[in-house]
Amino acid sequence: MSRLSTHVLDTAHGRPGAGMGFTLYRLEGEARVKLAEGVTTADGRAPGELLPEASYRPGRYQLVYQVAAYFRAQGVALPEPPFLDEVTLSFGLATDAHYHVPLLVSPFGYTSYRGS
């Protein structure tokens, strides 16, 4: 069972953020250790197990989403540099439970929360 999942909602177009690149890191002191990377599926979700139970441990993590590349691929004209290039969500995993981290994003803003 995965201890972490994510999905992206493209609020500018009112649909799942399909095809957005992302990377998951565990923070160890000042170092970032890459644990996974991928591209969201047609329903905007990370494919497979993002953080399998065997890899889980309490600590600090980051999900980095490739926002500008996604919106450019959708045909959105962005300024150079874009207002949002990458979105980095830093969060903590404290208990041995499932965590869901949604990203609601447009070219000029985003929000996230702990989902279910």
N, C-alpha and C. Protein backbone atom coordinates (compact mmCIF):
# COMPACT_ATOMS: atom_id res chain seq x y z
N MET A 1 0.84 -1.18 0.00
CA MET A 1 0.00 0.00 0.00
C MET A 1 0.88 1.24 0.00
N SER A 2 0.53 2.21 -0.82
CA SER A 2 1.27 3.46 -0.88
C SER A 2 0.91 4.34 0.31
N ARG A 3 1.88 5.02 0.84
CA ARG A 3 1.66 5.93 1.96
C ARG A 3 1.43 7.36 1.49
N LEU A 4 1.55 7.61 0.18
CA LEU A 4 1.43 8.96 -0.34
C LEU A 4 0.85 8.92 -1.75
N SER A 5 -0.10 9.80 -2.01
CA SER A 5 -0.63 9.96 -3.36
C SER A 5 -0.79 11.44 -3.65
N THR A 6 -0.89 11.77 -4.93
CA THR A 6 -1.09 13.15 -5.35
C THR A 6 -1.92 13.16 -6.62
N HIS A 7 -2.61 14.25 -6.82
CA HIS A 7 -3.23 14.49 -8.11
C HIS A 7 -3.25 15.99 -8.36
N VAL A 8 -3.35 16.34 -9.65
CA VAL A 8 -3.30 17.73 -10.07
C VAL A 8 -4.63 18.07 -10.74
N LEU A 9 -5.19 19.21 -10.36
CA LEU A 9 -6.37 19.75 -11.00
C LEU A 9 -6.00 21.07 -11.65
N ASP A 10 -6.24 21.16 -12.96
CA ASP A 10 -5.98 22.36 -13.75
C ASP A 10 -7.19 23.26 -13.60
N THR A 11 -7.11 24.25 -12.71
CA THR A 11 -8.25 25.11 -12.44
C THR A 11 -8.46 26.14 -13.54
N ALA A 12 -7.47 26.38 -14.37
CA ALA A 12 -7.63 27.32 -15.48
C ALA A 12 -8.56 26.75 -16.55
N HIS A 13 -8.51 25.41 -16.72
CA HIS A 13 -9.31 24.76 -17.76
C HIS A 13 -10.44 23.89 -17.19
N GLY A 14 -10.48 23.74 -15.87
CA GLY A 14 -11.53 22.95 -15.24
C GLY A 14 -11.46 21.47 -15.55
N ARG A 15 -10.23 20.91 -15.49
CA ARG A 15 -10.05 19.49 -15.79
C ARG A 15 -8.83 18.95 -15.04
N PRO A 16 -8.66 17.62 -15.05
CA PRO A 16 -7.46 17.05 -14.42
C PRO A 16 -6.19 17.55 -15.12
N GLY A 17 -5.13 17.67 -14.35
CA GLY A 17 -3.84 18.10 -14.88
C GLY A 17 -3.08 16.91 -15.45
N ALA A 18 -3.56 16.37 -16.55
CA ALA A 18 -2.94 15.20 -17.19
C ALA A 18 -1.65 15.59 -17.90
N GLY A 19 -0.61 14.82 -17.67
CA GLY A 19 0.66 15.05 -18.34
C GLY A 19 1.60 16.00 -17.64
N MET A 20 1.36 16.30 -16.36
CA MET A 20 2.27 17.18 -15.62
C MET A 20 3.38 16.37 -14.98
N GLY A 21 4.61 16.79 -15.20
CA GLY A 21 5.76 16.14 -14.58
C GLY A 21 5.88 16.52 -13.11
N PHE A 22 6.39 15.59 -12.32
CA PHE A 22 6.58 15.84 -10.89
C PHE A 22 7.76 15.00 -10.40
N THR A 23 8.33 15.43 -9.27
CA THR A 23 9.40 14.69 -8.59
C THR A 23 9.12 14.72 -7.10
N LEU A 24 9.32 13.58 -6.44
CA LEU A 24 9.18 13.46 -4.99
C LEU A 24 10.56 13.35 -4.36
N TYR A 25 10.79 14.15 -3.32
CA TYR A 25 12.05 14.12 -2.57
C TYR A 25 11.77 13.91 -1.09
N ARG A 26 12.69 13.25 -0.41
CA ARG A 26 12.72 13.23 1.06
C ARG A 26 13.83 14.20 1.45
N LEU A 27 13.57 15.04 2.44
CA LEU A 27 14.59 15.98 2.92
C LEU A 27 15.35 15.34 4.06
N GLU A 28 16.65 15.30 3.92
CA GLU A 28 17.52 14.74 4.96
C GLU A 28 18.53 15.82 5.31
N GLY A 29 18.23 16.55 6.40
CA GLY A 29 19.03 17.73 6.71
C GLY A 29 18.80 18.75 5.62
N GLU A 30 19.88 19.23 5.02
CA GLU A 30 19.76 20.18 3.92
C GLU A 30 19.75 19.49 2.55
N ALA A 31 19.92 18.19 2.53
CA ALA A 31 19.97 17.44 1.27
C ALA A 31 18.57 16.98 0.86
N ARG A 32 18.36 16.91 -0.47
CA ARG A 32 17.14 16.34 -1.04
C ARG A 32 17.50 15.02 -1.70
N VAL A 33 16.78 13.97 -1.32
CA VAL A 33 16.99 12.64 -1.89
C VAL A 33 15.80 12.33 -2.79
N LYS A 34 16.06 12.13 -4.08
CA LYS A 34 14.97 11.84 -5.01
C LYS A 34 14.46 10.43 -4.76
N LEU A 35 13.12 10.33 -4.57
CA LEU A 35 12.49 9.04 -4.33
C LEU A 35 11.70 8.56 -5.54
N ALA A 36 11.12 9.48 -6.29
CA ALA A 36 10.29 9.10 -7.43
C ALA A 36 10.13 10.30 -8.34
N GLU A 37 9.84 10.00 -9.60
CA GLU A 37 9.47 11.04 -10.55
C GLU A 37 8.56 10.42 -11.58
N GLY A 38 7.76 11.25 -12.20
CA GLY A 38 6.83 10.72 -13.19
C GLY A 38 6.01 11.82 -13.82
N VAL A 39 4.97 11.39 -14.49
CA VAL A 39 4.04 12.27 -15.19
C VAL A 39 2.63 11.84 -14.80
N THR A 40 1.77 12.80 -14.52
CA THR A 40 0.41 12.46 -14.12
C THR A 40 -0.36 11.79 -15.25
N THR A 41 -1.28 10.93 -14.86
CA THR A 41 -2.10 10.16 -15.80
C THR A 41 -3.24 11.02 -16.36
N ALA A 42 -4.07 10.41 -17.19
CA ALA A 42 -5.20 11.12 -17.80
C ALA A 42 -6.15 11.72 -16.76
N ASP A 43 -6.23 11.12 -15.57
CA ASP A 43 -7.09 11.69 -14.53
C ASP A 43 -6.32 12.60 -13.57
N GLY A 44 -5.07 12.96 -13.94
CA GLY A 44 -4.28 13.90 -13.16
C GLY A 44 -3.58 13.31 -11.95
N ARG A 45 -3.58 11.99 -11.83
CA ARG A 45 -2.98 11.33 -10.66
C ARG A 45 -1.59 10.79 -10.96
N ALA A 46 -0.79 10.69 -9.91
CA ALA A 46 0.51 10.04 -10.05
C ALA A 46 0.28 8.56 -10.27
N PRO A 47 0.96 7.97 -11.25
CA PRO A 47 0.77 6.53 -11.51
C PRO A 47 1.48 5.68 -10.46
N GLY A 48 0.93 4.51 -10.20
CA GLY A 48 1.60 3.55 -9.32
C GLY A 48 1.71 4.04 -7.89
N GLU A 49 2.65 3.46 -7.17
CA GLU A 49 2.88 3.80 -5.77
C GLU A 49 3.93 4.89 -5.68
N LEU A 50 3.52 6.06 -5.23
CA LEU A 50 4.43 7.18 -5.11
C LEU A 50 5.43 6.97 -3.98
N LEU A 51 4.93 6.50 -2.86
CA LEU A 51 5.79 6.21 -1.70
C LEU A 51 5.32 4.88 -1.12
N PRO A 52 5.90 3.77 -1.60
CA PRO A 52 5.48 2.46 -1.10
C PRO A 52 5.72 2.33 0.40
N GLU A 53 4.96 1.47 1.02
CA GLU A 53 5.06 1.26 2.46
C GLU A 53 6.50 0.93 2.88
N ALA A 54 7.20 0.16 2.08
CA ALA A 54 8.58 -0.23 2.41
C ALA A 54 9.53 0.97 2.44
N SER A 55 9.21 2.05 1.71
CA SER A 55 10.06 3.24 1.65
C SER A 55 9.63 4.31 2.64
N TYR A 56 8.48 4.11 3.28
CA TYR A 56 7.94 5.14 4.17
C TYR A 56 8.76 5.29 5.44
N ARG A 57 8.96 6.54 5.83
CA ARG A 57 9.42 6.86 7.18
C ARG A 57 9.01 8.29 7.48
N PRO A 58 8.69 8.56 8.73
CA PRO A 58 8.29 9.92 9.09
C PRO A 58 9.40 10.90 8.73
N GLY A 59 9.01 12.09 8.34
CA GLY A 59 10.00 13.10 8.00
C GLY A 59 9.44 14.18 7.10
N ARG A 60 10.35 14.95 6.54
CA ARG A 60 10.00 16.07 5.67
C ARG A 60 10.17 15.65 4.22
N TYR A 61 9.22 16.04 3.38
CA TYR A 61 9.21 15.67 1.97
C TYR A 61 8.88 16.88 1.11
N GLN A 62 9.17 16.77 -0.18
CA GLN A 62 8.78 17.79 -1.15
C GLN A 62 8.27 17.11 -2.41
N LEU A 63 7.20 17.67 -2.95
CA LEU A 63 6.74 17.34 -4.29
C LEU A 63 6.98 18.57 -5.15
N VAL A 64 7.66 18.40 -6.27
CA VAL A 64 7.96 19.50 -7.19
C VAL A 64 7.23 19.21 -8.50
N TYR A 65 6.36 20.13 -8.89
CA TYR A 65 5.54 19.98 -10.08
C TYR A 65 6.04 20.92 -11.18
N GLN A 66 6.07 20.44 -12.41
CA GLN A 66 6.54 21.20 -13.57
C GLN A 66 5.37 21.96 -14.20
N VAL A 67 4.99 23.06 -13.57
CA VAL A 67 3.78 23.79 -13.92
C VAL A 67 3.89 24.51 -15.27
N ALA A 68 4.94 25.28 -15.48
CA ALA A 68 5.06 26.05 -16.73
C ALA A 68 5.12 25.12 -17.94
N ALA A 69 5.88 24.05 -17.86
CA ALA A 69 5.98 23.10 -18.98
C ALA A 69 4.61 22.51 -19.29
N TYR A 70 3.83 22.21 -18.25
CA TYR A 70 2.50 21.67 -18.44
C TYR A 70 1.61 22.67 -19.18
N PHE A 71 1.55 23.92 -18.69
CA PHE A 71 0.66 24.90 -19.33
C PHE A 71 1.12 25.25 -20.74
N ARG A 72 2.40 25.29 -20.98
CA ARG A 72 2.88 25.51 -22.36
C ARG A 72 2.42 24.37 -23.27
N ALA A 73 2.49 23.15 -22.78
CA ALA A 73 2.04 21.99 -23.57
C ALA A 73 0.54 22.05 -23.84
N GLN A 74 -0.21 22.77 -22.99
CA GLN A 74 -1.65 22.95 -23.18
C GLN A 74 -1.95 24.11 -24.13
N GLY A 75 -0.90 24.77 -24.64
CA GLY A 75 -1.09 25.88 -25.57
C GLY A 75 -1.26 27.24 -24.91
N VAL A 76 -0.99 27.32 -23.61
CA VAL A 76 -1.12 28.58 -22.90
C VAL A 76 0.13 29.42 -23.13
N ALA A 77 -0.06 30.66 -23.58
CA ALA A 77 1.07 31.58 -23.77
C ALA A 77 1.46 32.14 -22.41
N LEU A 78 2.67 31.86 -21.98
CA LEU A 78 3.17 32.33 -20.69
C LEU A 78 4.26 33.36 -20.91
N PRO A 79 4.38 34.31 -19.98
CA PRO A 79 5.49 35.27 -20.09
C PRO A 79 6.82 34.55 -19.84
N GLU A 80 7.89 35.21 -20.19
CA GLU A 80 9.22 34.66 -19.91
C GLU A 80 9.97 35.63 -19.03
N PRO A 81 10.30 35.28 -17.81
CA PRO A 81 10.03 33.98 -17.20
C PRO A 81 8.57 33.86 -16.76
N PRO A 82 8.08 32.63 -16.66
CA PRO A 82 6.70 32.45 -16.21
C PRO A 82 6.56 32.81 -14.74
N PHE A 83 5.36 33.22 -14.36
CA PHE A 83 5.11 33.53 -12.95
C PHE A 83 5.33 32.29 -12.09
N LEU A 84 4.75 31.15 -12.50
CA LEU A 84 4.99 29.88 -11.83
C LEU A 84 5.70 28.95 -12.81
N ASP A 85 6.95 28.64 -12.52
CA ASP A 85 7.70 27.68 -13.34
C ASP A 85 7.52 26.29 -12.74
N GLU A 86 8.03 26.14 -11.53
CA GLU A 86 7.84 24.92 -10.75
C GLU A 86 7.09 25.29 -9.47
N VAL A 87 6.26 24.40 -9.00
CA VAL A 87 5.62 24.57 -7.70
C VAL A 87 6.19 23.49 -6.79
N THR A 88 6.75 23.93 -5.68
CA THR A 88 7.31 23.01 -4.69
C THR A 88 6.43 23.02 -3.46
N LEU A 89 5.89 21.86 -3.12
CA LEU A 89 5.11 21.70 -1.90
C LEU A 89 5.97 20.96 -0.88
N SER A 90 6.24 21.61 0.24
CA SER A 90 7.01 20.99 1.32
C SER A 90 6.02 20.58 2.41
N PHE A 91 6.13 19.35 2.89
CA PHE A 91 5.18 18.84 3.86
C PHE A 91 5.83 17.77 4.72
N GLY A 92 5.20 17.48 5.83
CA GLY A 92 5.71 16.46 6.74
C GLY A 92 4.79 15.26 6.81
N LEU A 93 5.38 14.09 6.92
CA LEU A 93 4.65 12.85 7.15
C LEU A 93 5.01 12.40 8.55
N ALA A 94 4.02 12.43 9.44
CA ALA A 94 4.30 12.17 10.85
C ALA A 94 3.85 10.80 11.32
N THR A 95 2.79 10.28 10.73
CA THR A 95 2.24 9.02 11.22
C THR A 95 2.24 7.98 10.11
N ASP A 96 2.07 6.76 10.50
CA ASP A 96 2.01 5.66 9.55
C ASP A 96 0.58 5.58 8.99
N ALA A 97 0.22 6.58 8.19
CA ALA A 97 -1.12 6.67 7.61
C ALA A 97 -0.96 7.06 6.15
N HIS A 98 -2.04 7.01 5.41
CA HIS A 98 -2.00 7.46 4.02
C HIS A 98 -2.15 8.98 3.97
N TYR A 99 -1.33 9.63 3.16
CA TYR A 99 -1.42 11.06 2.94
C TYR A 99 -1.73 11.29 1.47
N HIS A 100 -2.67 12.20 1.21
CA HIS A 100 -3.00 12.58 -0.16
C HIS A 100 -2.73 14.07 -0.30
N VAL A 101 -1.95 14.46 -1.32
CA VAL A 101 -1.55 15.84 -1.52
C VAL A 101 -2.03 16.30 -2.89
N PRO A 102 -3.19 16.96 -2.96
CA PRO A 102 -3.66 17.50 -4.23
C PRO A 102 -3.01 18.85 -4.53
N LEU A 103 -2.87 19.15 -5.80
CA LEU A 103 -2.42 20.46 -6.26
C LEU A 103 -3.49 21.01 -7.19
N LEU A 104 -4.06 22.15 -6.85
CA LEU A 104 -5.00 22.87 -7.70
C LEU A 104 -4.23 24.05 -8.26
N VAL A 105 -4.11 24.14 -9.59
CA VAL A 105 -3.15 25.08 -10.16
C VAL A 105 -3.68 25.75 -11.43
N SER A 106 -3.25 26.99 -11.61
CA SER A 106 -3.44 27.75 -12.85
C SER A 106 -2.08 28.39 -13.15
N PRO A 107 -1.93 29.08 -14.27
CA PRO A 107 -0.62 29.69 -14.55
C PRO A 107 -0.20 30.77 -13.53
N PHE A 108 -1.16 31.26 -12.73
CA PHE A 108 -0.84 32.38 -11.84
C PHE A 108 -1.18 32.14 -10.38
N GLY A 109 -1.49 30.91 -10.01
CA GLY A 109 -1.78 30.63 -8.62
C GLY A 109 -1.99 29.14 -8.36
N TYR A 110 -1.86 28.76 -7.09
CA TYR A 110 -2.07 27.36 -6.73
C TYR A 110 -2.48 27.25 -5.27
N THR A 111 -3.03 26.12 -4.93
CA THR A 111 -3.34 25.80 -3.55
C THR A 111 -3.21 24.29 -3.36
N SER A 112 -3.06 23.89 -2.11
CA SER A 112 -2.97 22.48 -1.78
C SER A 112 -3.52 22.29 -0.37
N TYR A 113 -3.73 21.04 -0.01
CA TYR A 113 -4.25 20.69 1.31
C TYR A 113 -3.99 19.22 1.54
N ARG A 114 -4.18 18.76 2.76
CA ARG A 114 -4.10 17.33 3.01
C ARG A 114 -5.45 16.72 2.69
N GLY A 115 -5.50 15.93 1.65
CA GLY A 115 -6.74 15.30 1.23
C GLY A 115 -6.93 13.96 1.89
N SER A 116 -7.95 13.26 1.44
CA SER A 116 -8.24 11.94 2.00
C SER A 116 -8.11 10.87 0.94
